[in-house]
């Protein structure tokens, strides 16, 4: 059991949000037609109307916070395209394209390449190795935290460093429930993260503890509702509504947690971050 020491009020920093640009894709064709992670059970019924309402609430939340949202057209036959974060990693206007591990999702890569090009992001780097976009490549200030173990090929880490011109810190995931890095880590600011230590191999735990000694440590209960699959603008943290413990810890540190309900999209193993691709120009 993890114990968290309260942060003295006098040391709570004044958090400043920065305006972000996000790409999202509506769940028009969302369904659980195959199982490629432990959250998915083939044939699970999906309420598409509710899925859209929940997704649109997330979109409107970003707009109300002052962020820009570009909506891309969903492609029939690609039920997981709603998880826009997997479509690419974008830094300095360069799009490092995705290359999916499972055949069911392979066509999403060119779909996102074309959609991003139509949105004006034409500086595209075709990947040589499997990487699933921001699912496993999280920009944290001047570095990229890069996951492997279930989806992204570790060789993609060096490729990402070369293409994105950022140092890459490799992290090995070991729990299949947390198959992407964005299910086990939330980037809160350029210097602060939240994470679940149990999701990582011992060496990677040591790397995270050494680099982020004051990180927010998630409970197993909060991680189990994909509470770490969240989006921060430096002040506001949009996270699954059920992650009450994380929300309390964020508030203690001066962040403003905003809970959203994405229960329908959780059936495919996704939360707020999965549905949100950030454009960094």
Protein backbone atom coordinates (compact mmCIF):
# COMPACT_ATOMS: atom_id res chain seq x y z
CA UNK A 1 0.00 0.00 0.00
CA UNK A 2 1.37 3.39 -1.01
CA UNK A 3 1.36 6.24 1.45
CA UNK A 4 1.43 9.80 0.16
CA UNK A 5 2.68 12.64 2.31
CA UNK A 6 0.57 15.81 2.04
CA UNK A 7 2.23 18.79 0.41
CA UNK A 8 2.44 21.83 2.73
CA UNK A 9 0.19 24.62 1.44
CA UNK A 10 3.09 27.07 1.47
CA UNK A 11 4.96 24.94 -1.08
CA UNK A 12 2.11 24.42 -3.55
CA UNK A 13 3.14 26.14 -6.79
CA UNK A 14 0.87 28.36 -8.83
CA UNK A 15 0.16 26.23 -11.88
CA UNK A 16 -0.07 28.01 -15.22
CA UNK A 17 -1.86 26.33 -18.14
CA UNK A 18 -0.59 26.62 -21.69
CA UNK A 19 -2.86 26.59 -24.71
CA UNK A 20 -2.68 23.31 -26.57
CA UNK A 21 -3.72 21.99 -29.96
CA UNK A 22 -5.29 18.56 -30.01
CA UNK A 23 -6.45 16.13 -32.69
CA UNK A 24 -9.45 13.91 -32.00
CA UNK A 25 -11.52 11.41 -33.97
CA UNK A 26 -15.19 10.71 -33.16
CA UNK A 27 -16.23 7.14 -32.26
CA UNK A 28 -18.55 6.83 -35.24
CA UNK A 29 -17.39 3.29 -36.02
CA UNK A 30 -16.28 2.25 -32.54
CA UNK A 31 -16.92 -1.38 -31.60
CA UNK A 32 -15.12 -4.21 -29.82
CA UNK A 33 -14.64 -6.52 -32.80
CA UNK A 34 -11.31 -8.04 -31.74
CA UNK A 35 -9.26 -8.34 -28.55
CA UNK A 36 -5.71 -6.99 -28.53
CA UNK A 37 -5.50 -5.91 -24.89
CA UNK A 38 -6.95 -7.24 -21.61
CA UNK A 39 -9.65 -4.55 -21.52
CA UNK A 40 -11.27 -5.86 -24.69
CA UNK A 41 -13.79 -8.71 -24.87
CA UNK A 42 -15.07 -9.54 -28.33
CA UNK A 43 -18.78 -8.94 -28.63
CA UNK A 44 -19.02 -6.51 -25.73
CA UNK A 45 -22.03 -4.33 -26.57
CA UNK A 46 -21.23 -0.69 -27.17
CA UNK A 47 -23.75 2.12 -26.87
CA UNK A 48 -22.57 4.27 -29.76
CA UNK A 49 -24.83 7.19 -28.85
CA UNK A 50 -23.41 7.24 -25.32
CA UNK A 51 -19.86 6.79 -26.63
CA UNK A 52 -20.30 9.86 -28.82
CA UNK A 53 -21.78 11.92 -25.97
CA UNK A 54 -18.87 10.98 -23.71
CA UNK A 55 -16.30 11.69 -26.43
CA UNK A 56 -17.94 15.02 -27.27
CA UNK A 57 -17.93 15.99 -23.60
CA UNK A 58 -14.17 15.47 -23.63
CA UNK A 59 -13.85 17.58 -26.79
CA UNK A 60 -15.96 20.37 -25.32
CA UNK A 61 -13.95 20.25 -22.10
CA UNK A 62 -10.81 21.06 -24.05
CA UNK A 63 -12.54 23.89 -25.88
CA UNK A 64 -13.84 25.36 -22.62
CA UNK A 65 -10.29 25.30 -21.27
CA UNK A 66 -9.19 27.41 -24.23
CA UNK A 67 -7.53 24.70 -26.31
CA UNK A 68 -7.88 24.09 -30.03
CA UNK A 69 -9.33 20.80 -31.26
CA UNK A 70 -9.03 19.50 -34.81
CA UNK A 71 -11.49 16.71 -35.55
CA UNK A 72 -10.48 14.17 -38.19
CA UNK A 73 -12.88 12.07 -40.23
CA UNK A 74 -13.30 8.48 -38.97
CA UNK A 75 -12.78 5.69 -41.50
CA UNK A 76 -15.30 2.84 -41.74
CA UNK A 77 -13.80 -0.48 -40.66
CA UNK A 78 -11.33 1.12 -38.22
CA UNK A 79 -13.14 0.91 -34.86
CA UNK A 80 -10.09 1.96 -32.83
CA UNK A 81 -9.40 5.12 -34.81
CA UNK A 82 -11.12 7.00 -31.98
CA UNK A 83 -7.88 6.48 -30.02
CA UNK A 84 -6.17 9.36 -31.81
CA UNK A 85 -3.09 9.38 -29.56
CA UNK A 86 -1.85 6.24 -31.30
CA UNK A 87 -1.85 7.89 -34.72
CA UNK A 88 1.48 9.75 -34.49
CA UNK A 89 3.87 11.75 -32.31
CA UNK A 90 4.26 15.41 -33.26
CA UNK A 91 7.11 17.61 -32.06
CA UNK A 92 8.23 20.88 -33.63
CA UNK A 93 5.79 20.35 -36.47
CA UNK A 94 7.40 17.03 -37.44
CA UNK A 95 5.02 14.09 -37.57
CA UNK A 96 6.67 10.82 -36.58
CA UNK A 97 4.18 8.37 -38.02
CA UNK A 98 2.79 5.31 -36.30
CA UNK A 99 3.33 1.71 -37.28
CA UNK A 100 0.92 -0.63 -35.51
CA UNK A 101 1.76 -4.05 -34.13
CA UNK A 102 -1.60 -5.70 -34.80
CA UNK A 103 -2.97 -6.10 -38.30
CA UNK A 104 -6.41 -4.85 -37.33
CA UNK A 105 -4.99 -1.39 -36.65
CA UNK A 106 -2.35 -1.17 -39.39
CA UNK A 107 -4.60 0.87 -41.75
CA UNK A 108 -4.94 3.59 -39.09
CA UNK A 109 -1.37 4.75 -39.76
CA UNK A 110 -1.95 5.99 -43.33
CA UNK A 111 -5.38 7.29 -42.33
CA UNK A 112 -3.79 9.53 -39.70
CA UNK A 113 -0.92 10.49 -42.00
CA UNK A 114 -3.42 11.75 -44.57
CA UNK A 115 -5.65 13.44 -41.98
CA UNK A 116 -2.71 15.28 -40.42
CA UNK A 117 -1.43 16.34 -43.82
CA UNK A 118 -4.87 17.75 -44.61
CA UNK A 119 -4.62 19.72 -41.35
CA UNK A 120 -1.38 21.30 -42.55
CA UNK A 121 1.11 18.92 -40.93
CA UNK A 122 3.04 17.79 -43.97
CA UNK A 123 6.53 17.23 -42.52
CA UNK A 124 6.14 13.49 -42.12
CA UNK A 125 8.68 10.85 -41.06
CA UNK A 126 7.75 7.30 -42.05
CA UNK A 127 8.68 4.88 -39.24
CA UNK A 128 10.86 1.84 -39.81
CA UNK A 129 9.86 0.14 -36.57
CA UNK A 130 6.63 -0.56 -34.73
CA UNK A 131 5.58 2.38 -32.60
CA UNK A 132 2.07 3.31 -31.54
CA UNK A 133 2.36 7.05 -31.41
CA UNK A 134 1.74 8.87 -28.16
CA UNK A 135 0.52 5.63 -26.68
CA UNK A 136 4.17 4.83 -26.02
CA UNK A 137 5.96 8.12 -26.74
CA UNK A 138 5.16 10.77 -24.14
CA UNK A 139 6.78 14.18 -24.49
CA UNK A 140 7.82 15.39 -21.05
CA UNK A 141 9.51 18.75 -21.31
CA UNK A 142 12.78 18.33 -23.18
CA UNK A 143 12.69 14.53 -23.24
CA UNK A 144 10.49 11.77 -24.57
CA UNK A 145 9.50 8.95 -22.24
CA UNK A 146 9.25 5.85 -24.43
CA UNK A 147 7.52 2.60 -23.55
CA UNK A 148 8.15 -0.92 -24.79
CA UNK A 149 7.23 -4.43 -23.73
CA UNK A 150 3.87 -4.94 -25.43
CA UNK A 151 3.50 -2.73 -28.48
CA UNK A 152 6.36 -0.42 -29.44
CA UNK A 153 9.63 -1.94 -30.67
CA UNK A 154 12.56 -0.67 -28.55
CA UNK A 155 14.39 0.11 -31.80
CA UNK A 156 11.79 2.81 -32.45
CA UNK A 157 13.15 4.72 -29.46
CA UNK A 158 16.38 5.63 -31.25
CA UNK A 159 14.45 6.42 -34.40
CA UNK A 160 12.14 8.73 -32.45
CA UNK A 161 15.13 10.51 -30.90
CA UNK A 162 16.62 11.10 -34.34
CA UNK A 163 13.37 12.27 -35.95
CA UNK A 164 12.05 14.38 -33.07
CA UNK A 165 15.41 15.77 -31.95
CA UNK A 166 14.72 14.93 -28.31
CA UNK A 167 16.52 12.60 -25.89
CA UNK A 168 14.48 9.44 -25.39
CA UNK A 169 14.26 7.57 -22.09
CA UNK A 170 13.28 3.94 -22.60
CA UNK A 171 10.93 2.31 -20.09
CA UNK A 172 9.87 -1.35 -20.04
CA UNK A 173 6.24 -2.20 -19.24
CA UNK A 174 5.53 -5.58 -17.64
CA UNK A 175 1.80 -5.64 -16.78
CA UNK A 176 -0.42 -6.40 -19.82
CA UNK A 177 -3.23 -4.27 -18.39
CA UNK A 178 -0.95 -1.30 -18.93
CA UNK A 179 0.04 -2.16 -22.47
CA UNK A 180 0.87 1.40 -23.52
CA UNK A 181 2.97 3.89 -21.57
CA UNK A 182 0.07 6.35 -21.49
CA UNK A 183 -1.89 3.90 -19.33
CA UNK A 184 0.88 3.87 -16.69
CA UNK A 185 2.24 7.44 -16.80
CA UNK A 186 0.65 10.89 -16.88
CA UNK A 187 2.85 13.80 -17.90
CA UNK A 188 1.67 16.64 -15.64
CA UNK A 189 4.26 19.25 -16.63
CA UNK A 190 7.70 19.45 -18.14
CA UNK A 191 9.21 18.22 -14.88
CA UNK A 192 6.47 16.31 -13.07
CA UNK A 193 4.68 13.05 -13.75
CA UNK A 194 2.34 10.57 -12.10
CA UNK A 195 2.90 6.86 -12.54
CA UNK A 196 2.25 3.32 -11.32
CA UNK A 197 5.57 1.70 -10.28
CA UNK A 198 4.19 -1.84 -10.50
CA UNK A 199 3.59 -1.42 -14.23
CA UNK A 200 7.36 -1.28 -14.90
CA UNK A 201 10.35 -3.60 -14.85
CA UNK A 202 12.68 -3.01 -11.88
CA UNK A 203 15.29 -1.09 -13.88
CA UNK A 204 12.65 1.23 -15.32
CA UNK A 205 11.20 1.82 -11.85
CA UNK A 206 14.65 2.94 -10.79
CA UNK A 207 14.95 5.28 -13.75
CA UNK A 208 11.61 6.90 -12.97
CA UNK A 209 12.31 7.17 -9.23
CA UNK A 210 15.67 8.77 -9.91
CA UNK A 211 14.42 11.25 -12.49
CA UNK A 212 11.13 12.10 -10.76
CA UNK A 213 11.70 11.73 -7.00
CA UNK A 214 8.59 13.78 -6.16
CA UNK A 215 6.29 12.13 -8.71
CA UNK A 216 2.67 11.41 -7.90
CA UNK A 217 2.39 7.69 -7.20
CA UNK A 218 -0.89 6.16 -8.36
CA UNK A 219 -2.75 3.56 -6.36
CA UNK A 220 -3.64 0.23 -7.93
CA UNK A 221 -7.32 1.19 -7.68
CA UNK A 222 -6.87 4.41 -9.63
CA UNK A 223 -4.71 2.70 -12.25
CA UNK A 224 -7.37 0.00 -12.63
CA UNK A 225 -9.83 2.58 -14.03
CA UNK A 226 -7.11 3.87 -16.38
CA UNK A 227 -6.76 6.91 -14.14
CA UNK A 228 -3.28 7.59 -15.50
CA UNK A 229 -4.60 7.87 -19.05
CA UNK A 230 -5.00 11.60 -18.61
CA UNK A 231 -4.20 14.92 -20.27
CA UNK A 232 -2.58 17.92 -18.55
CA UNK A 233 -2.09 21.45 -19.84
CA UNK A 234 0.17 22.34 -16.93
CA UNK A 235 -2.69 23.23 -14.61
CA UNK A 236 -5.84 21.36 -15.58
CA UNK A 237 -5.65 17.57 -15.55
CA UNK A 238 -8.45 15.84 -17.46
CA UNK A 239 -8.71 12.29 -16.13
CA UNK A 240 -11.23 9.47 -15.73
CA UNK A 241 -13.86 10.37 -13.18
CA UNK A 242 -13.30 7.21 -11.16
CA UNK A 243 -9.69 8.06 -10.27
CA UNK A 244 -10.60 9.92 -7.09
CA UNK A 245 -7.29 9.30 -5.33
CA UNK A 246 -5.26 10.78 -8.16
CA UNK A 247 -7.61 13.75 -8.38
CA UNK A 248 -7.06 14.45 -4.68
CA UNK A 249 -3.29 14.23 -5.03
CA UNK A 250 -3.33 16.60 -8.01
CA UNK A 251 -5.41 19.13 -6.11
CA UNK A 252 -2.95 19.00 -3.21
CA UNK A 253 -0.18 19.95 -5.62
CA UNK A 254 -1.99 22.89 -7.14
CA UNK A 255 -3.42 21.20 -10.21
CA UNK A 256 -7.09 21.38 -11.09
CA UNK A 257 -8.42 17.88 -11.78
CA UNK A 258 -11.36 17.56 -14.16
CA UNK A 259 -13.07 14.18 -14.15
CA UNK A 260 -14.76 12.86 -17.29
CA UNK A 261 -16.71 9.67 -17.93
CA UNK A 262 -15.45 7.61 -20.88
CA UNK A 263 -16.90 4.29 -19.74
CA UNK A 264 -17.91 3.22 -23.26
CA UNK A 265 -14.45 3.83 -24.69
CA UNK A 266 -12.87 2.06 -21.72
CA UNK A 267 -14.34 -1.12 -23.25
CA UNK A 268 -11.62 -0.83 -25.88
CA UNK A 269 -8.93 -0.01 -23.34
CA UNK A 270 -8.89 3.76 -23.71
CA UNK A 271 -9.37 6.93 -21.70
CA UNK A 272 -8.93 10.68 -22.20
CA UNK A 273 -5.30 10.50 -23.33
CA UNK A 274 -5.98 7.68 -25.77
CA UNK A 275 -8.53 9.92 -27.46
CA UNK A 276 -6.19 12.91 -27.63
CA UNK A 277 -3.22 13.50 -29.92
CA UNK A 278 -1.27 16.67 -29.15
CA UNK A 279 0.14 18.83 -31.94
CA UNK A 280 3.42 20.52 -30.95
CA UNK A 281 4.61 23.02 -33.54
